[in-house]
Amino acid sequence: MAKKKAVADASDLPKLAAPARRALAGAGLASLGQLSRITEAEVAALHGMGPNALASLKTAMKARGLAFRPSR
């Protein structure tokens, strides 16, 4: 159990609902830096990622000077 907590503490992701957290974990996304390498549409397409979670991610990324990769 302590190992899981250490991994969760290392993340800079904002507090999200469980389905959104599972969606990001399932996609191997554990930090805002990793999210900045993909498009907003790719994140929005993850099963479990809702509009509130997406808005929270965008706000947290903006606060750290990050943004989703631009769409082509």
Protein backbone atom coordinates (compact mmCIF):
# COMPACT_ATOMS: atom_id res chain seq x y z
CA MET A 1 0.00 0.00 0.00
CA ALA A 2 2.81 2.46 0.83
CA LYS A 3 4.28 1.95 -2.64
CA LYS A 4 1.05 3.09 -4.33
CA LYS A 5 0.88 6.18 -2.15
CA ALA A 6 4.46 7.13 -3.04
CA VAL A 7 3.60 6.94 -6.74
CA ALA A 8 0.46 9.02 -6.26
CA ASP A 9 2.36 11.67 -4.29
CA ALA A 10 4.92 12.04 -7.09
CA SER A 11 2.20 13.11 -9.54
CA ASP A 12 1.45 16.76 -10.19
CA LEU A 13 -2.01 15.99 -11.55
CA PRO A 14 -4.90 17.83 -9.91
CA LYS A 15 -7.50 15.99 -7.86
CA LEU A 16 -9.80 14.22 -10.34
CA ALA A 17 -12.78 11.89 -10.16
CA ALA A 18 -11.93 8.19 -10.10
CA PRO A 19 -12.95 7.46 -13.73
CA ALA A 20 -10.68 10.23 -15.01
CA ARG A 21 -7.77 9.08 -12.81
CA ARG A 22 -8.19 5.53 -14.09
CA ALA A 23 -8.36 6.75 -17.69
CA LEU A 24 -5.08 8.63 -17.32
CA ALA A 25 -3.41 5.74 -15.50
CA GLY A 26 -4.58 3.30 -18.15
CA ALA A 27 -3.04 5.49 -20.83
CA GLY A 28 0.22 5.72 -18.88
CA LEU A 29 -0.18 9.44 -18.17
CA ALA A 30 1.01 10.35 -14.68
CA SER A 31 2.08 13.99 -14.95
CA LEU A 32 1.15 17.29 -16.53
CA GLY A 33 4.39 17.17 -18.51
CA GLN A 34 3.29 13.93 -20.13
CA LEU A 35 -0.10 15.46 -20.93
CA SER A 36 1.61 18.38 -22.69
CA ARG A 37 2.97 15.92 -25.27
CA ILE A 38 -0.48 14.90 -26.51
CA THR A 39 -3.48 16.80 -27.87
CA GLU A 40 -6.54 17.81 -25.89
CA ALA A 41 -8.65 15.70 -28.26
CA GLU A 42 -6.59 12.60 -27.41
CA VAL A 43 -7.18 13.15 -23.69
CA ALA A 44 -10.87 13.91 -24.20
CA ALA A 45 -11.24 10.62 -26.12
CA LEU A 46 -10.11 8.54 -23.13
CA HIS A 47 -12.98 6.53 -21.67
CA GLY A 48 -13.81 8.10 -18.31
CA MET A 49 -12.48 11.57 -19.10
CA GLY A 50 -15.31 14.05 -18.67
CA PRO A 51 -15.52 17.80 -19.30
CA ASN A 52 -14.93 18.72 -15.65
CA ALA A 53 -11.76 16.62 -15.45
CA LEU A 54 -10.52 18.05 -18.74
CA ALA A 55 -11.13 21.60 -17.48
CA SER A 56 -9.24 20.82 -14.26
CA LEU A 57 -6.30 19.48 -16.25
CA LYS A 58 -6.22 22.54 -18.50
CA THR A 59 -6.29 24.88 -15.48
CA ALA A 60 -3.47 22.99 -13.75
CA MET A 61 -1.40 22.94 -16.93
CA LYS A 62 -1.88 26.66 -17.50
CA ALA A 63 -0.80 27.40 -13.92
CA ARG A 64 2.49 25.62 -14.65
CA GLY A 65 3.03 27.22 -18.05
CA LEU A 66 2.05 24.08 -19.95
CA ALA A 67 -0.55 23.37 -22.62
CA PHE A 68 -1.76 20.42 -24.65
CA ARG A 69 0.10 19.79 -27.90
CA PRO A 70 -1.60 21.72 -30.73
CA SER A 71 -3.77 19.70 -33.11
CA ARG A 72 -2.49 19.35 -36.63
